[in-house]
Protein backbone atom coordinates (compact mmCIF):
# COMPACT_ATOMS: atom_id res chain seq x y z
CA MET A 1 3.83 -67.03 -23.82
CA LEU A 2 6.19 -65.90 -21.05
CA ALA A 3 8.62 -68.35 -19.52
CA GLU A 4 7.93 -69.96 -16.17
CA GLY A 5 9.91 -68.15 -13.52
CA THR A 6 9.32 -64.69 -15.00
CA PHE A 7 7.65 -63.59 -11.75
CA ASP A 8 9.72 -65.62 -9.28
CA GLY A 9 9.87 -63.79 -5.96
CA LYS A 10 7.13 -61.35 -6.99
CA VAL A 11 3.77 -60.84 -5.31
CA ALA A 12 0.59 -59.79 -7.12
CA ILE A 13 -2.87 -58.69 -6.03
CA VAL A 14 -5.76 -59.40 -8.39
CA THR A 15 -9.17 -57.94 -7.58
CA GLY A 16 -12.22 -59.77 -8.84
CA GLY A 17 -10.00 -62.84 -8.67
CA GLY A 18 -12.66 -65.38 -7.79
CA SER A 19 -13.84 -66.16 -11.30
CA GLY A 20 -13.65 -65.34 -14.98
CA LEU A 21 -10.93 -63.06 -16.23
CA GLY A 22 -9.60 -62.27 -12.75
CA ARG A 23 -9.10 -65.95 -11.99
CA ALA A 24 -7.42 -66.49 -15.37
CA ILE A 25 -4.99 -63.63 -14.73
CA ALA A 26 -4.24 -64.86 -11.21
CA LEU A 27 -3.51 -68.37 -12.49
CA GLU A 28 -1.27 -67.09 -15.29
CA LEU A 29 0.72 -64.96 -12.85
CA GLY A 30 0.98 -67.96 -10.55
CA ARG A 31 2.14 -70.19 -13.41
CA LEU A 32 4.89 -67.67 -14.08
CA GLY A 33 6.12 -67.80 -10.50
CA ALA A 34 4.23 -65.08 -8.62
CA SER A 35 2.51 -65.50 -5.31
CA VAL A 36 -0.99 -64.09 -5.76
CA ALA A 37 -3.50 -62.55 -3.37
CA VAL A 38 -6.99 -62.67 -4.84
CA ALA A 39 -9.67 -60.27 -3.65
CA GLY A 40 -13.44 -60.21 -4.04
CA ARG A 41 -16.57 -59.98 -1.98
CA ARG A 42 -17.43 -63.70 -1.89
CA PRO A 43 -14.94 -65.97 -0.09
CA GLU A 44 -15.93 -69.26 -1.72
CA PRO A 45 -14.81 -68.41 -5.29
CA LEU A 46 -11.62 -66.89 -3.90
CA ASP A 47 -10.85 -70.12 -2.08
CA GLU A 48 -11.38 -72.03 -5.33
CA THR A 49 -8.86 -69.81 -7.10
CA VAL A 50 -6.35 -70.25 -4.28
CA ALA A 51 -6.75 -74.03 -4.49
CA LEU A 52 -5.90 -73.82 -8.20
CA LEU A 53 -2.82 -71.75 -7.36
CA ALA A 54 -1.49 -74.79 -5.49
CA GLY A 55 0.01 -73.19 -2.41
CA LYS A 56 1.01 -69.87 -3.98
CA GLY A 57 -2.17 -67.95 -3.27
CA LEU A 58 -3.98 -66.01 -0.61
CA ALA A 59 -7.72 -65.30 -0.45
CA VAL A 60 -8.66 -61.92 1.02
CA PRO A 61 -12.40 -61.17 0.94
CA THR A 62 -12.56 -57.46 0.14
CA ASP A 63 -15.09 -54.82 -0.85
CA VAL A 64 -12.97 -52.55 -3.04
CA ARG A 65 -15.37 -49.67 -2.40
CA ASP A 66 -14.29 -49.57 1.26
CA PRO A 67 -11.00 -47.73 1.87
CA GLU A 68 -10.33 -49.55 5.13
CA ALA A 69 -10.99 -52.93 3.53
CA VAL A 70 -8.60 -52.10 0.68
CA ASP A 71 -5.88 -51.03 3.11
CA ALA A 72 -6.45 -54.29 4.99
CA LEU A 73 -6.08 -56.22 1.70
CA VAL A 74 -2.64 -54.75 1.08
CA ALA A 75 -1.62 -55.21 4.71
CA ALA A 76 -2.68 -58.87 4.67
CA THR A 77 -0.80 -59.45 1.43
CA VAL A 78 2.39 -57.97 2.85
CA GLU A 79 2.02 -59.88 6.11
CA GLU A 80 1.43 -63.25 4.44
CA LEU A 81 3.38 -62.93 1.18
CA GLY A 82 5.99 -60.32 2.03
CA ARG A 83 5.49 -57.47 -0.46
CA VAL A 84 3.42 -56.13 -3.39
CA ASP A 85 4.90 -55.92 -6.89
CA VAL A 86 1.82 -56.10 -9.13
CA LEU A 87 -1.76 -54.89 -8.82
CA VAL A 88 -4.47 -55.89 -11.29
CA ASN A 89 -7.63 -53.79 -11.00
CA ASN A 90 -10.15 -56.25 -12.40
CA ALA A 91 -13.12 -55.87 -10.03
CA ALA A 92 -16.14 -54.57 -11.93
CA GLY A 93 -19.89 -54.41 -12.08
CA ASN A 94 -22.12 -53.95 -15.09
CA PHE A 95 -25.63 -54.41 -16.42
CA VAL A 96 -27.37 -53.29 -19.56
CA VAL A 97 -29.82 -50.43 -19.11
CA LYS A 98 -31.06 -47.40 -21.04
CA ALA A 99 -29.56 -44.21 -19.66
CA GLU A 100 -32.95 -42.68 -18.92
CA ASP A 101 -33.85 -45.73 -16.84
CA LEU A 102 -30.61 -45.90 -14.84
CA SER A 103 -31.21 -45.06 -11.19
CA PRO A 104 -28.78 -42.99 -9.11
CA ASN A 105 -28.09 -46.09 -7.03
CA GLY A 106 -27.38 -48.13 -10.16
CA TRP A 107 -24.96 -45.46 -11.37
CA ARG A 108 -23.19 -45.32 -8.00
CA ALA A 109 -23.01 -49.12 -7.70
CA VAL A 110 -21.00 -49.50 -10.91
CA VAL A 111 -18.89 -46.35 -10.68
CA SER A 112 -17.94 -47.05 -7.06
CA ILE A 113 -16.69 -50.56 -7.84
CA VAL A 114 -14.87 -49.75 -11.05
CA LEU A 115 -13.51 -46.22 -10.57
CA ASP A 116 -13.50 -45.66 -6.82
CA GLY A 117 -12.29 -49.20 -6.23
CA GLY A 118 -9.63 -48.86 -8.90
CA PHE A 119 -8.29 -45.71 -7.29
CA LEU A 120 -8.41 -47.03 -3.74
CA CYS A 121 -6.56 -50.21 -4.71
CA SER A 122 -4.01 -48.27 -6.76
CA ARG A 123 -3.42 -45.85 -3.91
CA ALA A 124 -2.95 -48.59 -1.31
CA ALA A 125 -0.77 -50.79 -3.50
CA GLY A 126 1.13 -47.76 -4.81
CA ARG A 127 1.97 -46.63 -1.28
CA GLN A 128 3.39 -50.07 -0.57
CA MET A 129 5.42 -50.05 -3.79
CA LEU A 130 6.73 -46.56 -2.97
CA ALA A 131 7.78 -47.77 0.49
CA GLN A 132 9.54 -50.79 -0.99
CA GLY A 133 11.47 -48.51 -3.32
CA ASP A 134 11.98 -50.87 -6.25
CA GLY A 135 9.08 -50.16 -8.56
CA GLY A 136 6.03 -52.15 -9.52
CA ALA A 137 3.24 -52.53 -12.06
CA ILE A 138 -0.43 -51.54 -11.91
CA LEU A 139 -2.79 -52.84 -14.56
CA SER A 140 -6.45 -51.84 -14.91
CA VAL A 141 -9.02 -53.70 -16.99
CA ILE A 142 -11.17 -51.42 -19.11
CA ALA A 143 -13.49 -51.73 -22.13
CA SER A 144 -13.44 -50.09 -25.54
CA TYR A 145 -16.61 -48.14 -24.83
CA ALA A 146 -14.38 -45.99 -22.60
CA TRP A 147 -13.52 -44.18 -25.85
CA THR A 148 -16.23 -45.21 -28.32
CA GLY A 149 -19.16 -44.80 -25.95
CA GLY A 150 -21.44 -47.73 -25.22
CA PRO A 151 -25.23 -47.38 -25.46
CA GLY A 152 -26.72 -49.41 -22.63
CA THR A 153 -23.61 -49.13 -20.45
CA VAL A 154 -23.34 -45.42 -19.64
CA HIS A 155 -22.32 -46.12 -16.02
CA SER A 156 -19.58 -48.60 -16.93
CA ALA A 157 -18.36 -46.56 -19.91
CA ALA A 158 -17.92 -43.47 -17.74
CA ALA A 159 -16.16 -45.45 -15.01
CA LYS A 160 -13.81 -47.20 -17.43
CA ALA A 161 -12.95 -43.87 -19.08
CA GLY A 162 -12.06 -42.61 -15.62
CA LEU A 163 -9.70 -45.56 -15.17
CA VAL A 164 -7.90 -44.59 -18.38
CA ALA A 165 -7.38 -41.04 -17.13
CA MET A 166 -6.28 -42.33 -13.73
CA THR A 167 -3.81 -44.72 -15.35
CA ARG A 168 -2.21 -42.06 -17.51
CA THR A 169 -1.90 -39.72 -14.54
CA LEU A 170 -0.32 -42.34 -12.30
CA ALA A 171 2.00 -43.38 -15.14
CA VAL A 172 3.55 -39.91 -15.16
CA GLU A 173 3.38 -39.23 -11.44
CA TRP A 174 4.92 -42.52 -10.33
CA ALA A 175 7.34 -43.08 -13.23
CA PRO A 176 10.28 -41.59 -11.27
CA HIS A 177 9.72 -44.37 -8.73
CA GLY A 178 9.74 -47.15 -11.31
CA ILE A 179 6.03 -47.82 -10.93
CA ARG A 180 4.33 -48.41 -14.26
CA ALA A 181 0.58 -48.07 -14.90
CA ASN A 182 -1.18 -49.53 -17.93
CA CYS A 183 -4.57 -50.80 -19.06
CA ILE A 184 -5.78 -53.78 -21.01
CA CYS A 185 -8.96 -53.58 -23.01
CA PRO A 186 -10.47 -57.02 -23.60
CA GLY A 187 -13.24 -57.45 -26.10
CA PRO A 188 -16.20 -59.77 -25.51
CA THR A 189 -14.72 -62.60 -23.45
CA ASP A 190 -16.21 -65.99 -22.74
CA THR A 191 -16.74 -65.62 -18.98
CA GLU A 192 -19.77 -66.35 -16.87
CA GLY A 193 -19.93 -62.88 -15.31
CA ALA A 194 -19.89 -60.71 -18.43
CA GLY A 195 -21.95 -63.21 -20.35
CA ALA A 196 -24.83 -63.16 -17.92
CA ALA A 197 -24.92 -59.36 -17.94
CA LEU A 198 -24.21 -58.47 -21.57
CA TRP A 199 -25.32 -61.43 -23.69
CA PRO A 200 -27.84 -63.28 -21.53
CA THR A 201 -29.25 -65.49 -24.30
CA GLU A 202 -27.62 -67.64 -26.97
CA GLU A 203 -29.13 -65.32 -29.57
CA ASP A 204 -27.43 -62.33 -27.95
CA ARG A 205 -24.16 -64.23 -27.67
CA ALA A 206 -24.22 -65.12 -31.36
CA ARG A 207 -25.04 -61.53 -32.29
CA VAL A 208 -22.08 -60.17 -30.30
CA ALA A 209 -19.68 -62.81 -31.62
CA ALA A 210 -20.72 -61.94 -35.16
CA THR A 211 -19.61 -58.33 -34.63
CA VAL A 212 -16.04 -59.39 -33.85
CA PRO A 213 -14.03 -59.32 -37.09
CA LEU A 214 -12.19 -62.46 -35.98
CA GLY A 215 -15.57 -64.10 -35.55
CA ARG A 216 -15.57 -65.31 -31.94
CA LEU A 217 -15.34 -64.34 -28.29
CA ALA A 218 -11.96 -64.26 -26.56
CA THR A 219 -10.96 -66.92 -24.07
CA PRO A 220 -9.93 -65.71 -20.61
CA HIS A 221 -6.47 -67.20 -21.10
CA GLU A 222 -5.89 -65.20 -24.29
CA VAL A 223 -6.40 -62.03 -22.29
CA ALA A 224 -4.51 -63.24 -19.23
CA ILE A 225 -1.27 -63.88 -21.07
CA TRP A 226 -1.15 -60.27 -22.25
CA ALA A 227 -2.10 -58.98 -18.81
CA ALA A 228 0.87 -60.85 -17.39
CA ALA A 229 3.14 -59.61 -20.19
CA LEU A 230 2.37 -55.96 -19.43
CA CYS A 231 3.16 -56.54 -15.75
CA SER A 232 6.40 -58.39 -16.51
CA PRO A 233 9.99 -57.10 -16.76
CA TYR A 234 9.69 -57.43 -20.55
CA ALA A 235 7.39 -54.38 -20.47
CA ASP A 236 9.59 -52.24 -18.23
CA TYR A 237 9.60 -49.40 -20.78
CA ILE A 238 5.83 -49.36 -21.30
CA THR A 239 3.66 -47.13 -19.15
CA GLY A 240 0.49 -45.09 -19.61
CA GLU A 241 -0.67 -47.34 -22.45
CA THR A 242 -3.81 -49.33 -23.24
CA LEU A 243 -3.47 -52.68 -25.00
CA THR A 244 -6.64 -53.70 -26.83
CA ILE A 245 -7.24 -57.45 -27.03
CA ASP A 246 -10.57 -57.75 -28.80
CA GLY A 247 -10.25 -59.32 -32.25
CA GLY A 248 -11.04 -55.93 -33.80
CA HIS A 249 -14.38 -55.64 -31.99
CA TRP A 250 -14.03 -51.96 -31.11
CA LEU A 251 -13.77 -51.11 -34.79
CA GLU A 252 -17.36 -52.30 -35.16
CA GLN A 253 -18.49 -50.14 -32.19
CA GLU A 254 -21.18 -52.70 -31.42
CA SER A 255 -23.75 -51.76 -28.80
CA TYR A 256 -24.97 -54.13 -26.09
CA LEU A 257 -28.25 -52.22 -26.02
CA PRO A 258 -30.15 -54.64 -28.33
CA ALA A 259 -29.89 -57.18 -25.51
CA LEU A 260 -32.52 -55.14 -23.67
CA ARG A 261 -35.97 -56.63 -24.02
CA PRO A 262 -38.85 -54.35 -25.07
CA ARG A 263 -40.98 -53.09 -22.23
CA GLU A 264 -44.18 -55.02 -21.66
């Protein structure tokens, strides 16, 4: 666990920061000294996260699919908190569906949040970091089906794979400016958002947990501490990498598809 004060004087933006993993990452960064702007579409959960940050947070309702809204997020962060040193691309959407049943709108809904939103936020935050001239860290949250494939999640798998390619490209392009870009790859994590979409019943939850070699789901805090570590000065020589935090789950290559109910 990093020492308190590691992020003193630093400012972070966390998308999808109103609940689950995003909230856990925001709180860990705050515990370590950062001021944190949390973004998401619903203001109420964002306000709850800010209350937990105890005076070191800012809620900025944002649709990451909207370029103007993303630019406004970065502008508001700079105006209220002074700068941007860290961006965590955590906003996501997902649902389990057979590929042949996935509608064009369903495809666009997930890809636009995950991939388009990830790029728009990285571009806006990256421009601010470039203007500041003293580096920064961008972290994107992916999933192991970005490289294994994930039956039932073709939209999310494709979008997350795009984030990996984006991250590696930015890592090289922005390295001369001291801006690092990395990914974390959590396994099944005990959050309300992912749980409702990917293991909606206790039977499904038990089935997924049984496929993790370590035998359980991750806690949000277990993932958050490594997210913070990759954004910290201790990781200043790490860029273009993906850290997998999944208890060995990807080795099983488990599919979420069995969670689909048979057609009536």
